[in-house]
PDB file of N, CA and C in Angstrom:
ATOM      1  N   MET A   1       0.657  -1.148   0.151  1.00  0.00           N
ATOM      2  CA  MET A   1      -0.109   0.278  -0.084  1.00  0.00           C
ATOM      3  C   MET A   1       0.758   1.310   0.088  1.00  0.00           C
ATOM      4  N   ILE A   2       0.289   2.114  -0.683  1.00  0.00           N
ATOM      5  CA  ILE A   2       1.158   3.318  -0.815  1.00  0.00           C
ATOM      6  C   ILE A   2       0.586   4.468  -0.881  1.00  0.00           C
ATOM      7  N   ILE A   3       1.037   5.248   0.615  1.00  0.00           N
ATOM      8  CA  ILE A   3      -0.026   6.241   1.346  1.00  0.00           C
ATOM      9  C   ILE A   3       0.942   7.830   0.711  1.00  0.00           C
ATOM     10  N   LYS A   4      -0.091   8.793   0.198  1.00  0.00           N
ATOM     11  CA  LYS A   4       0.360   9.794  -0.012  1.00  0.00           C
ATOM     12  C   LYS A   4      -0.390  11.029   0.882  1.00  0.00           C
ATOM     13  N   ARG A   5      -0.455  11.500   1.422  1.00  0.00           N
ATOM     14  CA  ARG A   5      -0.573  12.842   2.368  1.00  0.00           C
ATOM     15  C   ARG A   5      -0.387  13.818   1.763  1.00  0.00           C
ATOM     16  N   SER A   6      -1.273  15.168   2.165  1.00  0.00           N
ATOM     17  CA  SER A   6      -0.970  16.543   1.686  1.00  0.00           C
ATOM     18  C   SER A   6      -1.700  17.098   2.294  1.00  0.00           C
ATOM     19  N   ASP A   7      -0.410  18.344   2.519  1.00  0.00           N
ATOM     20  CA  ASP A   7      -1.999  19.642   3.501  1.00  0.00           C
ATOM     21  C   ASP A   7      -3.054  20.193   2.331  1.00  0.00           C
ATOM     22  N   ASP A   8      -2.341  20.278   1.597  1.00  0.00           N
ATOM     23  CA  ASP A   8      -3.159  20.795   0.495  1.00  0.00           C
ATOM     24  C   ASP A   8      -4.672  20.169   0.855  1.00  0.00           C
ATOM     25  N   GLN A   9      -5.982  21.254   1.214  1.00  0.00           N
ATOM     26  CA  GLN A   9      -6.702  20.652   1.450  1.00  0.00           C
ATOM     27  C   GLN A   9      -7.774  20.942  -0.161  1.00  0.00           C
ATOM     28  N   SER A  10      -7.074  21.539  -1.157  1.00  0.00           N
ATOM     29  CA  SER A  10      -7.729  22.000  -2.829  1.00  0.00           C
ATOM     30  C   SER A  10      -7.637  20.683  -3.648  1.00  0.00           C
ATOM     31  N   SER A  11      -6.461  20.079  -2.891  1.00  0.00           N
ATOM     32  CA  SER A  11      -6.187  18.608  -3.818  1.00  0.00           C
ATOM     33  C   SER A  11      -7.180  18.122  -3.548  1.00  0.00           C
ATOM     34  N   PRO A  12      -7.651  16.592  -5.127  1.00  0.00           N
ATOM     35  CA  PRO A  12      -8.487  15.471  -4.948  1.00  0.00           C
ATOM     36  C   PRO A  12      -8.324  14.781  -3.509  1.00  0.00           C
ATOM     37  N   ALA A  13      -9.009  13.960  -2.788  1.00  0.00           N
ATOM     38  CA  ALA A  13      -8.867  12.780  -2.018  1.00  0.00           C
ATOM     39  C   ALA A  13      -9.238  11.798  -2.669  1.00  0.00           C
ATOM     40  N   ILE A  14      -8.216  11.323  -3.154  1.00  0.00           N
ATOM     41  CA  ILE A  14      -8.907  10.123  -3.912  1.00  0.00           C
ATOM     42  C   ILE A  14      -8.250   8.721  -2.892  1.00  0.00           C
ATOM     43  N   LEU A  15      -8.978   7.627  -3.128  1.00  0.00           N
ATOM     44  CA  LEU A  15      -8.121   6.137  -2.883  1.00  0.00           C
ATOM     45  C   LEU A  15      -7.946   5.648  -3.791  1.00  0.00           C
ATOM     46  N   SER A  16      -6.654   5.059  -3.864  1.00  0.00           N
ATOM     47  CA  SER A  16      -6.453   3.925  -4.689  1.00  0.00           C
ATOM     48  C   SER A  16      -6.405   2.760  -4.181  1.00  0.00           C
ATOM     49  N   ILE A  17      -6.456   1.600  -4.991  1.00  0.00           N
ATOM     50  CA  ILE A  17      -6.972   0.837  -4.754  1.00  0.00           C
ATOM     51  C   ILE A  17      -6.425  -0.219  -5.767  1.00  0.00           C
ATOM     52  N   SER A  18      -4.772  -0.632  -5.521  1.00  0.00           N
ATOM     53  CA  SER A  18      -4.057  -1.180  -6.377  1.00  0.00           C
ATOM     54  C   SER A  18      -4.440  -2.933  -6.568  1.00  0.00           C
ATOM     55  N   TYR A  19      -4.856  -3.754  -7.941  1.00  0.00           N
ATOM     56  CA  TYR A  19      -4.876  -4.794  -7.891  1.00  0.00           C
ATOM     57  C   TYR A  19      -3.037  -5.732  -8.408  1.00  0.00           C
ATOM     58  N   LYS A  20      -3.054  -6.693  -7.802  1.00  0.00           N
ATOM     59  CA  LYS A  20      -2.104  -7.542  -8.727  1.00  0.00           C
ATOM     60  C   LYS A  20      -2.988  -8.962  -8.480  1.00  0.00           C
ATOM     61  N   LEU A  21      -3.336  -9.234  -9.577  1.00  0.00           N
ATOM     62  CA  LEU A  21      -4.256 -10.921  -8.986  1.00  0.00           C
ATOM     63  C   LEU A  21      -2.979 -12.016  -9.102  1.00  0.00           C
ATOM     64  N   PRO A  22      -3.663 -12.926  -8.527  1.00  0.00           N
ATOM     65  CA  PRO A  22      -2.510 -13.931  -8.048  1.00  0.00           C
ATOM     66  C   PRO A  22      -2.264 -14.824  -9.625  1.00  0.00           C
ATOM     67  N   ASP A  23      -2.806 -15.047 -10.055  1.00  0.00           N
ATOM     68  CA  ASP A  23      -2.168 -15.735 -11.617  1.00  0.00           C
ATOM     69  C   ASP A  23      -1.078 -14.692 -12.352  1.00  0.00           C
ATOM     70  N   SER A  24      -0.860 -13.612 -11.841  1.00  0.00           N
ATOM     71  CA  SER A  24      -0.205 -12.789 -12.930  1.00  0.00           C
ATOM     72  C   SER A  24       1.697 -13.154 -12.467  1.00  0.00           C
ATOM     73  N   SER A  25       2.492 -13.091 -13.608  1.00  0.00           N
ATOM     74  CA  SER A  25       3.622 -14.006 -13.166  1.00  0.00           C
ATOM     75  C   SER A  25       4.875 -12.838 -12.422  1.00  0.00           C
ATOM     76  N   GLN A  26       4.114 -12.048 -12.406  1.00  0.00           N
ATOM     77  CA  GLN A  26       5.125 -10.798 -11.662  1.00  0.00           C
ATOM     78  C   GLN A  26       4.554 -10.429 -10.352  1.00  0.00           C
ATOM     79  N   ALA A  27       5.115 -10.907  -9.486  1.00  0.00           N
ATOM     80  CA  ALA A  27       4.640 -11.157  -8.068  1.00  0.00           C
ATOM     81  C   ALA A  27       5.211  -9.532  -6.964  1.00  0.00           C
ATOM     82  N   VAL A  28       4.180  -9.267  -7.159  1.00  0.00           N
ATOM     83  CA  VAL A  28       4.711  -7.410  -6.118  1.00  0.00           C
ATOM     84  C   VAL A  28       4.664  -7.770  -4.283  1.00  0.00           C
ATOM     85  N   GLU A  29       5.772  -7.579  -4.116  1.00  0.00           N
ATOM     86  CA  GLU A  29       6.320  -8.299  -2.943  1.00  0.00           C
ATOM     87  C   GLU A  29       6.363  -6.426  -1.707  1.00  0.00           C
ATOM     88  N   GLU A  30       6.825  -5.710  -2.416  1.00  0.00           N
ATOM     89  CA  GLU A  30       6.952  -4.495  -1.799  1.00  0.00           C
ATOM     90  C   GLU A  30       6.203  -3.212  -3.057  1.00  0.00           C
ATOM     91  N   PRO A  31       5.023  -2.549  -2.593  1.00  0.00           N
ATOM     92  CA  PRO A  31       4.637  -1.751  -3.635  1.00  0.00           C
ATOM     93  C   PRO A  31       5.291  -0.556  -3.805  1.00  0.00           C
ATOM     94  N   SER A  32       5.545  -0.227  -4.932  1.00  0.00           N
ATOM     95  CA  SER A  32       6.144   0.763  -5.348  1.00  0.00           C
ATOM     96  C   SER A  32       5.515   1.682  -6.731  1.00  0.00           C
ATOM     97  N   LYS A  33       6.067   2.952  -6.465  1.00  0.00           N
ATOM     98  CA  LYS A  33       5.597   3.757  -8.016  1.00  0.00           C
ATOM     99  C   LYS A  33       5.454   2.893  -9.767  1.00  0.00           C
ATOM    100  N   GLU A  34       6.515   1.924  -9.283  1.00  0.00           N
ATOM    101  CA  GLU A  34       7.090   1.201 -10.851  1.00  0.00           C
ATOM    102  C   GLU A  34       6.470   0.259 -10.837  1.00  0.00           C
ATOM    103  N   ALA A  35       5.635  -0.792  -9.678  1.00  0.00           N
ATOM    104  CA  ALA A  35       5.132  -1.421 -10.219  1.00  0.00           C
ATOM    105  C   ALA A  35       4.015  -1.787 -11.302  1.00  0.00           C
ATOM    106  N   VAL A  36       3.879  -2.608 -11.401  1.00  0.00           N
ATOM    107  CA  VAL A  36       2.902  -2.660 -12.450  1.00  0.00           C
ATOM    108  C   VAL A  36       1.766  -3.458 -11.942  1.00  0.00           C
ATOM    109  N   TYR A  37       0.276  -2.919 -12.016  1.00  0.00           N
ATOM    110  CA  TYR A  37      -0.380  -3.739 -11.520  1.00  0.00           C
ATOM    111  C   TYR A  37      -1.595  -3.532 -12.358  1.00  0.00           C
ATOM    112  N   ASP A  38      -2.644  -5.094 -12.139  1.00  0.00           N
ATOM    113  CA  ASP A  38      -3.361  -5.849 -12.962  1.00  0.00           C
ATOM    114  C   ASP A  38      -4.794  -4.668 -13.643  1.00  0.00           C
ATOM    115  N   LYS A  39      -4.684  -4.058 -11.849  1.00  0.00           N
ATOM    116  CA  LYS A  39      -6.049  -3.252 -11.825  1.00  0.00           C
ATOM    117  C   LYS A  39      -6.196  -2.345 -10.633  1.00  0.00           C
ATOM    118  N   ILE A  40      -6.250  -1.169 -11.332  1.00  0.00           N
ATOM    119  CA  ILE A  40      -6.511  -0.077 -10.266  1.00  0.00           C
ATOM    120  C   ILE A  40      -8.069   0.538  -9.734  1.00  0.00           C
ATOM    121  N   GLU A  41      -8.524   0.539  -9.049  1.00  0.00           N
ATOM    122  CA  GLU A  41      -9.665   1.367  -8.415  1.00  0.00           C
ATOM    123  C   GLU A  41      -9.378   2.500  -7.496  1.00  0.00           C
ATOM    124  N   THR A  42     -10.303   3.520  -7.950  1.00  0.00           N
ATOM    125  CA  THR A  42     -10.419   4.609  -6.702  1.00  0.00           C
ATOM    126  C   THR A  42     -11.540   5.326  -6.207  1.00  0.00           C
ATOM    127  N   ILE A  43     -11.410   5.710  -5.418  1.00  0.00           N
ATOM    128  CA  ILE A  43     -12.123   6.058  -4.672  1.00  0.00           C
ATOM    129  C   ILE A  43     -12.429   7.396  -4.003  1.00  0.00           C
ATOM    130  N   ASP A  44     -13.375   8.740  -4.357  1.00  0.00           N
ATOM    131  CA  ASP A  44     -13.315  10.222  -4.135  1.00  0.00           C
ATOM    132  C   ASP A  44     -13.636  10.101  -2.621  1.00  0.00           C
ATOM    133  N   MET A  45     -12.951  10.130  -1.773  1.00  0.00           N
ATOM    134  CA  MET A  45     -13.308  10.694  -0.636  1.00  0.00           C
ATOM    135  C   MET A  45     -13.331  12.405  -0.466  1.00  0.00           C
ATOM    136  N   LYS A  46     -12.992  13.124  -1.025  1.00  0.00           N
ATOM    137  CA  LYS A  46     -13.534  14.753  -0.864  1.00  0.00           C
ATOM    138  C   LYS A  46     -14.627  14.698   0.154  1.00  0.00           C
ATOM    139  N   ASN A  47     -14.933  14.895   1.223  1.00  0.00           N
ATOM    140  CA  ASN A  47     -16.561  15.646   1.808  1.00  0.00           C
ATOM    141  C   ASN A  47     -16.915  14.290   1.888  1.00  0.00           C
ATOM    142  N   LYS A  48     -16.463  13.385   2.190  1.00  0.00           N
ATOM    143  CA  LYS A  48     -17.556  11.679   2.391  1.00  0.00           C
ATOM    144  C   LYS A  48     -17.469  11.789   3.437  1.00  0.00           C
ATOM    145  N   ASP A  49     -17.903  10.930   4.063  1.00  0.00           N
ATOM    146  CA  ASP A  49     -17.537  10.540   5.263  1.00  0.00           C
ATOM    147  C   ASP A  49     -17.243   9.134   6.035  1.00  0.00           C
ATOM    148  N   ALA A  50     -16.880   8.913   7.164  1.00  0.00           N
ATOM    149  CA  ALA A  50     -16.299   7.476   7.060  1.00  0.00           C
ATOM    150  C   ALA A  50     -17.347   6.702   6.766  1.00  0.00           C
ATOM    151  N   GLU A  51     -18.406   6.191   7.025  1.00  0.00           N
ATOM    152  CA  GLU A  51     -19.453   5.347   6.077  1.00  0.00           C
ATOM    153  C   GLU A  51     -19.533   5.169   5.111  1.00  0.00           C
ATOM    154  N   THR A  52     -19.543   6.052   4.499  1.00  0.00           N
ATOM    155  CA  THR A  52     -19.738   6.109   3.063  1.00  0.00           C
ATOM    156  C   THR A  52     -18.158   5.709   2.494  1.00  0.00           C
ATOM    157  N   ILE A  53     -16.988   5.973   2.562  1.00  0.00           N
ATOM    158  CA  ILE A  53     -16.460   5.682   2.126  1.00  0.00           C
ATOM    159  C   ILE A  53     -15.684   4.472   2.184  1.00  0.00           C
ATOM    160  N   MET A  54     -16.610   3.701   3.866  1.00  0.00           N
ATOM    161  CA  MET A  54     -16.422   2.076   3.734  1.00  0.00           C
ATOM    162  C   MET A  54     -16.561   1.035   2.941  1.00  0.00           C
ATOM    163  N   ASN A  55     -18.556   2.073   3.120  1.00  0.00           N
ATOM    164  CA  ASN A  55     -19.637   1.301   2.228  1.00  0.00           C
ATOM    165  C   ASN A  55     -18.549   1.063   0.479  1.00  0.00           C
ATOM    166  N   LYS A  56     -18.276   1.922   0.066  1.00  0.00           N
ATOM    167  CA  LYS A  56     -17.714   2.225  -1.206  1.00  0.00           C
ATOM    168  C   LYS A  56     -16.198   1.228  -1.569  1.00  0.00           C
ATOM    169  N   LEU A  57     -15.440   1.378  -0.632  1.00  0.00           N
ATOM    170  CA  LEU A  57     -14.542   0.663  -0.299  1.00  0.00           C
ATOM    171  C   LEU A  57     -14.918  -1.234   0.026  1.00  0.00           C
ATOM    172  N   MET A  58     -16.004  -1.189   0.455  1.00  0.00           N
ATOM    173  CA  MET A  58     -16.207  -2.759   0.432  1.00  0.00           C
ATOM    174  C   MET A  58     -17.172  -3.012  -1.339  1.00  0.00           C
ATOM    175  N   ALA A  59     -17.910  -2.396  -1.463  1.00  0.00           N
ATOM    176  CA  ALA A  59     -18.630  -2.215  -2.961  1.00  0.00           C
ATOM    177  C   ALA A  59     -17.019  -3.040  -3.659  1.00  0.00           C
ATOM    178  N   VAL A  60     -16.475  -1.769  -4.307  1.00  0.00           N
ATOM    179  CA  VAL A  60     -14.949  -1.773  -4.644  1.00  0.00           C
ATOM    180  C   VAL A  60     -14.458  -3.287  -4.746  1.00  0.00           C
ATOM    181  N   THR A  61     -14.178  -3.850  -3.607  1.00  0.00           N
ATOM    182  CA  THR A  61     -13.478  -4.755  -3.415  1.00  0.00           C
ATOM    183  C   THR A  61     -14.091  -6.412  -3.101  1.00  0.00           C
ATOM    184  N   LYS A  62     -15.320  -5.716  -3.090  1.00  0.00           N
ATOM    185  CA  LYS A  62     -16.510  -6.998  -3.032  1.00  0.00           C
ATOM    186  C   LYS A  62     -15.959  -7.858  -1.331  1.00  0.00           C
ATOM    187  N   ALA A  63     -15.707  -6.815  -0.548  1.00  0.00           N
ATOM    188  CA  ALA A  63     -15.299  -7.446   0.643  1.00  0.00           C
ATOM    189  C   ALA A  63     -16.850  -7.312   1.757  1.00  0.00           C
ATOM    190  N   GLN A  64     -16.560  -8.489   2.543  1.00  0.00           N
ATOM    191  CA  GLN A  64     -18.081  -9.344   2.813  1.00  0.00           C
ATOM    192  C   GLN A  64     -17.301  -8.971   4.877  1.00  0.00           C
ATOM    193  N   GLN A  65     -18.120  -7.691   5.420  1.00  0.00           N
ATOM    194  CA  GLN A  65     -18.427  -8.282   7.265  1.00  0.00           C
ATOM    195  C   GLN A  65     -18.736  -9.156   7.557  1.00  0.00           C
ATOM    196  N   ILE A  66     -16.997  -9.216   8.339  1.00  0.00           N
ATOM    197  CA  ILE A  66     -17.454 -10.632   9.607  1.00  0.00           C
ATOM    198  C   ILE A  66     -17.597 -10.259  10.667  1.00  0.00           C
ATOM    199  N   PRO A  67     -18.462 -11.343  10.828  1.00  0.00           N
ATOM    200  CA  PRO A  67     -19.450 -11.289  12.218  1.00  0.00           C
ATOM    201  C   PRO A  67     -18.518 -11.112  13.392  1.00  0.00           C
ATOM    202  N   THR A  68     -18.729 -10.731  14.497  1.00  0.00           N
ATOM    203  CA  THR A  68     -17.928 -10.296  15.767  1.00  0.00           C
ATOM    204  C   THR A  68     -17.656 -11.273  16.512  1.00  0.00           C
ATOM    205  N   THR A  69     -16.727 -11.835  16.690  1.00  0.00           N
ATOM    206  CA  THR A  69     -16.784 -13.414  17.740  1.00  0.00           C
ATOM    207  C   THR A  69     -16.694 -12.892  19.374  1.00  0.00           C
ATOM    208  N   SER A  70     -17.133 -13.720  20.194  1.00  0.00           N
ATOM    209  CA  SER A  70     -16.783 -13.370  21.645  1.00  0.00           C
ATOM    210  C   SER A  70     -15.295 -13.122  21.918  1.00  0.00           C
ATOM    211  N   GLU A  71     -14.336 -13.547  21.195  1.00  0.00           N
ATOM    212  CA  GLU A  71     -13.284 -13.046  21.776  1.00  0.00           C
ATOM    213  C   GLU A  71     -12.684 -11.812  21.084  1.00  0.00           C
ATOM    214  N   ASP A  72     -13.273 -11.250  20.159  1.00  0.00           N
ATOM    215  CA  ASP A  72     -13.588  -9.610  19.462  1.00  0.00           C
ATOM    216  C   ASP A  72     -13.841  -8.887  21.070  1.00  0.00           C
ATOM    217  N   THR A  73     -15.058  -9.495  20.959  1.00  0.00           N
ATOM    218  CA  THR A  73     -15.585  -8.419  22.058  1.00  0.00           C
ATOM    219  C   THR A  73     -15.289  -8.468  23.370  1.00  0.00           C
ATOM    220  N   ARG A  74     -14.743  -9.370  23.653  1.00  0.00           N
ATOM    221  CA  ARG A  74     -14.072  -9.523  24.922  1.00  0.00           C
ATOM    222  C   ARG A  74     -12.493  -8.913  25.126  1.00  0.00           C
ATOM    223  N   GLN A  75     -11.729  -8.795  23.914  1.00  0.00           N
ATOM    224  CA  GLN A  75     -11.017  -8.031  23.684  1.00  0.00           C
ATOM    225  C   GLN A  75     -11.143  -5.675  23.421  1.00  0.00           C
ATOM    226  N   LEU A  76     -12.344  -5.888  23.043  1.00  0.00           N
ATOM    227  CA  LEU A  76     -12.860  -4.795  22.975  1.00  0.00           C
ATOM    228  C   LEU A  76     -13.135  -4.163  24.417  1.00  0.00           C
ATOM    229  N   GLU A  77     -13.934  -5.074  24.970  1.00  0.00           N
ATOM    230  CA  GLU A  77     -14.603  -4.551  26.816  1.00  0.00           C
ATOM    231  C   GLU A  77     -12.947  -4.144  27.197  1.00  0.00           C
ATOM    232  N   GLU A  78     -12.494  -5.171  26.717  1.00  0.00           N
ATOM    233  CA  GLU A  78     -10.858  -5.304  28.093  1.00  0.00           C
ATOM    234  C   GLU A  78     -10.202  -3.432  27.744  1.00  0.00           C
ATOM    235  N   PHE A  79     -10.034  -3.616  26.265  1.00  0.00           N
ATOM    236  CA  PHE A  79      -9.145  -2.528  25.821  1.00  0.00           C
ATOM    237  C   PHE A  79      -9.951  -0.968  26.184  1.00  0.00           C
ATOM    238  N   ASP A  80     -11.288  -0.617  26.356  1.00  0.00           N
ATOM    239  CA  ASP A  80     -12.792  -0.016  27.049  1.00  0.00           C
ATOM    240  C   ASP A  80     -12.064   0.044  28.697  1.00  0.00           C
ATOM    241  N   ALA A  81     -11.713  -0.819  29.455  1.00  0.00           N
ATOM    242  CA  ALA A  81     -11.908  -0.886  30.488  1.00  0.00           C
ATOM    243  C   ALA A  81     -10.654  -0.058  30.897  1.00  0.00           C
ATOM    244  N   HIS A  82      -9.493  -0.491  29.745  1.00  0.00           N
ATOM    245  CA  HIS A  82      -8.054  -0.344  30.087  1.00  0.00           C
ATOM    246  C   HIS A  82      -7.967   1.061  29.476  1.00  0.00           C
ATOM    247  N   HIS A  83      -8.719   1.447  29.024  1.00  0.00           N
ATOM    248  CA  HIS A  83      -8.553   3.319  28.144  1.00  0.00           C
ATOM    249  C   HIS A  83      -9.567   4.452  29.865  1.00  0.00           C
ATOM    250  N   ALA A  84     -10.663   3.730  30.028  1.00  0.00           N
ATOM    251  CA  ALA A  84     -10.823   4.219  31.209  1.00  0.00           C
ATOM    252  C   ALA A  84      -9.971   4.501  32.440  1.00  0.00           C
ATOM    253  N   VAL A  85      -9.402   3.491  32.673  1.00  0.00           N
ATOM    254  CA  VAL A  85      -8.072   3.128  33.577  1.00  0.00           C
ATOM    255  C   VAL A  85      -7.278   4.592  33.374  1.00  0.00           C
ATOM    256  N   VAL A  86      -6.738   4.515  32.002  1.00  0.00           N
ATOM    257  CA  VAL A  86      -5.792   5.788  31.435  1.00  0.00           C
ATOM    258  C   VAL A  86      -6.219   6.957  31.530  1.00  0.00           C
ATOM    259  N   LYS A  87      -7.736   7.275  31.387  1.00  0.00           N
ATOM    260  CA  LYS A  87      -8.173   8.586  31.470  1.00  0.00           C
ATOM    261  C   LYS A  87      -8.256   9.066  32.859  1.00  0.00           C
ATOM    262  N   ALA A  88      -8.771   8.322  33.517  1.00  0.00           N
ATOM    263  CA  ALA A  88      -8.826   8.817  35.108  1.00  0.00           C
ATOM    264  C   ALA A  88      -7.653   9.100  35.584  1.00  0.00           C
ATOM    265  N   SER A  89      -5.992   8.056  35.341  1.00  0.00           N
ATOM    266  CA  SER A  89      -4.956   8.501  35.469  1.00  0.00           C
ATOM    267  C   SER A  89      -4.542   9.562  34.824  1.00  0.00           C
ATOM    268  N   SER A  90      -4.685   9.730  34.065  1.00  0.00           N
ATOM    269  CA  SER A  90      -4.324  11.266  33.409  1.00  0.00           C
ATOM    270  C   SER A  90      -5.304  12.084  33.861  1.00  0.00           C
ATOM    271  N   ALA A  91      -6.258  12.545  34.087  1.00  0.00           N
ATOM    272  CA  ALA A  91      -7.215  13.335  34.872  1.00  0.00           C
ATOM    273  C   ALA A  91      -6.514  13.565  36.690  1.00  0.00           C
ATOM    274  N   ARG A  92      -5.877  12.647  36.761  1.00  0.00           N
ATOM    275  CA  ARG A  92      -5.416  12.681  38.413  1.00  0.00           C
ATOM    276  C   ARG A  92      -4.072  13.287  38.320  1.00  0.00           C
ATOM    277  N   ASN A  93      -3.316  13.008  37.294  1.00  0.00           N
ATOM    278  CA  ASN A  93      -2.222  13.576  37.393  1.00  0.00           C
ATOM    279  C   ASN A  93      -2.280  15.127  36.607  1.00  0.00           C
ATOM    280  N   ALA A  94      -3.100  15.382  36.051  1.00  0.00           N
ATOM    281  CA  ALA A  94      -3.291  16.575  35.339  1.00  0.00           C
ATOM    282  C   ALA A  94      -3.775  17.478  36.798  1.00  0.00           C
ATOM    283  N   ILE A  95      -4.103  17.176  37.874  1.00  0.00           N
ATOM    284  CA  ILE A  95      -4.590  17.915  38.606  1.00  0.00           C
ATOM    285  C   ILE A  95      -3.172  18.100  39.403  1.00  0.00           C
ATOM    286  N   ILE A  96      -2.589  16.784  39.708  1.00  0.00           N
ATOM    287  CA  ILE A  96      -1.334  16.764  40.344  1.00  0.00           C
ATOM    288  C   ILE A  96      -0.664  18.086  40.035  1.00  0.00           C
ATOM    289  N   VAL A  97      -0.255  17.792  38.656  1.00  0.00           N
ATOM    290  CA  VAL A  97       0.710  18.941  37.933  1.00  0.00           C
ATOM    291  C   VAL A  97      -0.002  20.351  38.224  1.00  0.00           C
ATOM    292  N   ALA A  98      -1.140  20.385  38.263  1.00  0.00           N
ATOM    293  CA  ALA A  98      -1.455  21.863  38.214  1.00  0.00           C
ATOM    294  C   ALA A  98      -1.230  22.751  39.638  1.00  0.00           C
ATOM    295  N   GLU A  99      -1.408  21.563  40.829  1.00  0.00           N
ATOM    296  CA  GLU A  99      -1.115  21.723  42.037  1.00  0.00           C
ATOM    297  C   GLU A  99       0.165  22.093  42.350  1.00  0.00           C
ATOM    298  N   LYS A 100       0.871  21.176  41.836  1.00  0.00           N
ATOM    299  CA  LYS A 100       2.325  21.730  41.633  1.00  0.00           C
ATOM    300  C   LYS A 100       3.061  22.997  41.187  1.00  0.00           C
ATOM    301  N   ARG A 101       2.056  23.093  40.194  1.00  0.00           N
ATOM    302  CA  ARG A 101       2.578  24.849  39.572  1.00  0.00           C
ATOM    303  C   ARG A 101       1.951  25.458  40.207  1.00  0.00           C
ATOM    304  N   LYS A 102       0.932  25.079  40.557  1.00  0.00           N
ATOM    305  CA  LYS A 102       0.190  26.397  41.842  1.00  0.00           C
ATOM    306  C   LYS A 102       1.244  26.441  43.339  1.00  0.00           C
ATOM    307  N   SER A 103       1.535  25.379  43.714  1.00  0.00           N
ATOM    308  CA  SER A 103       3.185  25.755  44.828  1.00  0.00           C
ATOM    309  C   SER A 103       4.168  26.444  44.203  1.00  0.00           C
ATOM    310  N   THR A 104       4.323  25.698  43.120  1.00  0.00           N
ATOM    311  CA  THR A 104       5.673  26.786  42.927  1.00  0.00           C
ATOM    312  C   THR A 104       5.470  28.126  42.344  1.00  0.00           C
ATOM    313  N   LYS A 105       4.162  28.273  41.957  1.00  0.00           N
ATOM    314  CA  LYS A 105       4.139  29.659  41.913  1.00  0.00           C
ATOM    315  C   LYS A 105       3.840  30.783  42.820  1.00  0.00           C
ATOM    316  N   LEU A 106       3.517  30.321  43.882  1.00  0.00           N
ATOM    317  CA  LEU A 106       2.788  30.906  45.358  1.00  0.00           C
ATOM    318  C   LEU A 106       4.689  30.903  46.023  1.00  0.00           C
ATOM    319  N   LEU A 107       5.754  29.849  45.840  1.00  0.00           N
ATOM    320  CA  LEU A 107       6.910  29.892  46.469  1.00  0.00           C
ATOM    321  C   LEU A 107       7.284  30.931  45.104  1.00  0.00           C
ATOM    322  N   GLU A 108       7.398  31.015  44.121  1.00  0.00           N
ATOM    323  CA  GLU A 108       8.298  31.730  43.289  1.00  0.00           C
ATOM    324  C   GLU A 108       7.929  33.336  44.144  1.00  0.00           C
ATOM    325  N   SER A 109       6.347  33.417  44.669  1.00  0.00           N
ATOM    326  CA  SER A 109       5.584  34.918  44.432  1.00  0.00           C
ATOM    327  C   SER A 109       6.537  35.441  46.279  1.00  0.00           C
ATOM    328  N   ALA A 110       6.087  34.334  47.026  1.00  0.00           N
ATOM    329  CA  ALA A 110       7.128  34.542  48.524  1.00  0.00           C
ATOM    330  C   ALA A 110       8.618  34.821  48.543  1.00  0.00           C
ATOM    331  N   LYS A 111       8.701  33.821  48.038  1.00  0.00           N
ATOM    332  CA  LYS A 111      10.584  34.522  47.285  1.00  0.00           C
ATOM    333  C   LYS A 111      10.892  36.127  46.889  1.00  0.00           C
ATOM    334  N   ALA A 112      10.117  36.393  45.887  1.00  0.00           N
ATOM    335  CA  ALA A 112      10.145  37.575  44.996  1.00  0.00           C
ATOM    336  C   ALA A 112      10.267  38.849  46.387  1.00  0.00           C
ATOM    337  N   LYS A 113       8.920  38.472  47.028  1.00  0.00           N
ATOM    338  CA  LYS A 113       8.364  39.577  47.684  1.00  0.00           C
ATOM    339  C   LYS A 113       9.551  39.943  49.111  1.00  0.00           C
ATOM    340  N   ILE A 114      10.135  38.499  49.471  1.00  0.00           N
ATOM    341  CA  ILE A 114      11.047  38.582  50.217  1.00  0.00           C
ATOM    342  C   ILE A 114      12.574  39.392  49.933  1.00  0.00           C
ATOM    343  N   ALA A 115      13.028  39.079  48.782  1.00  0.00           N
ATOM    344  CA  ALA A 115      14.320  39.538  48.346  1.00  0.00           C
ATOM    345  C   ALA A 115      13.646  40.985  47.964  1.00  0.00           C
TER     346      ALA A 115
END
C-alpha cells in the first residue's frame, strides 16, 4: 500500500486500490510507483463521511463484513476498561501537575516578596 498525504485541502482526496491478480507472473512484494498492477480502482473521498467511504470500499473490493466473535468482544471490552483507567489516571495527573505549578508559583511569589 502506498499512502500519499498532503496538507493541500484543495487537491482531490482519492483512495486508489491497486490489484495484482493471483495468476499474474510478476509478484509484487513491496508496492512501489514502478510496480505494474493488473487493476486500479479509485474512490473519491472528498467531503465524504467514514461510513460512505467504507461502504464504497467494500463494494469496490467485494469485501464482506465478518461477524464479531466473542473473543473480539472480550478484547474490545478489555481495551475500553484499560482506556477508562488511563483516562482517570491522566485526569489525576493533570490535577497533581496543576497543584504543583500553583505551589511553585506561590513559592516563587513569596521569594520575590522577601527579596
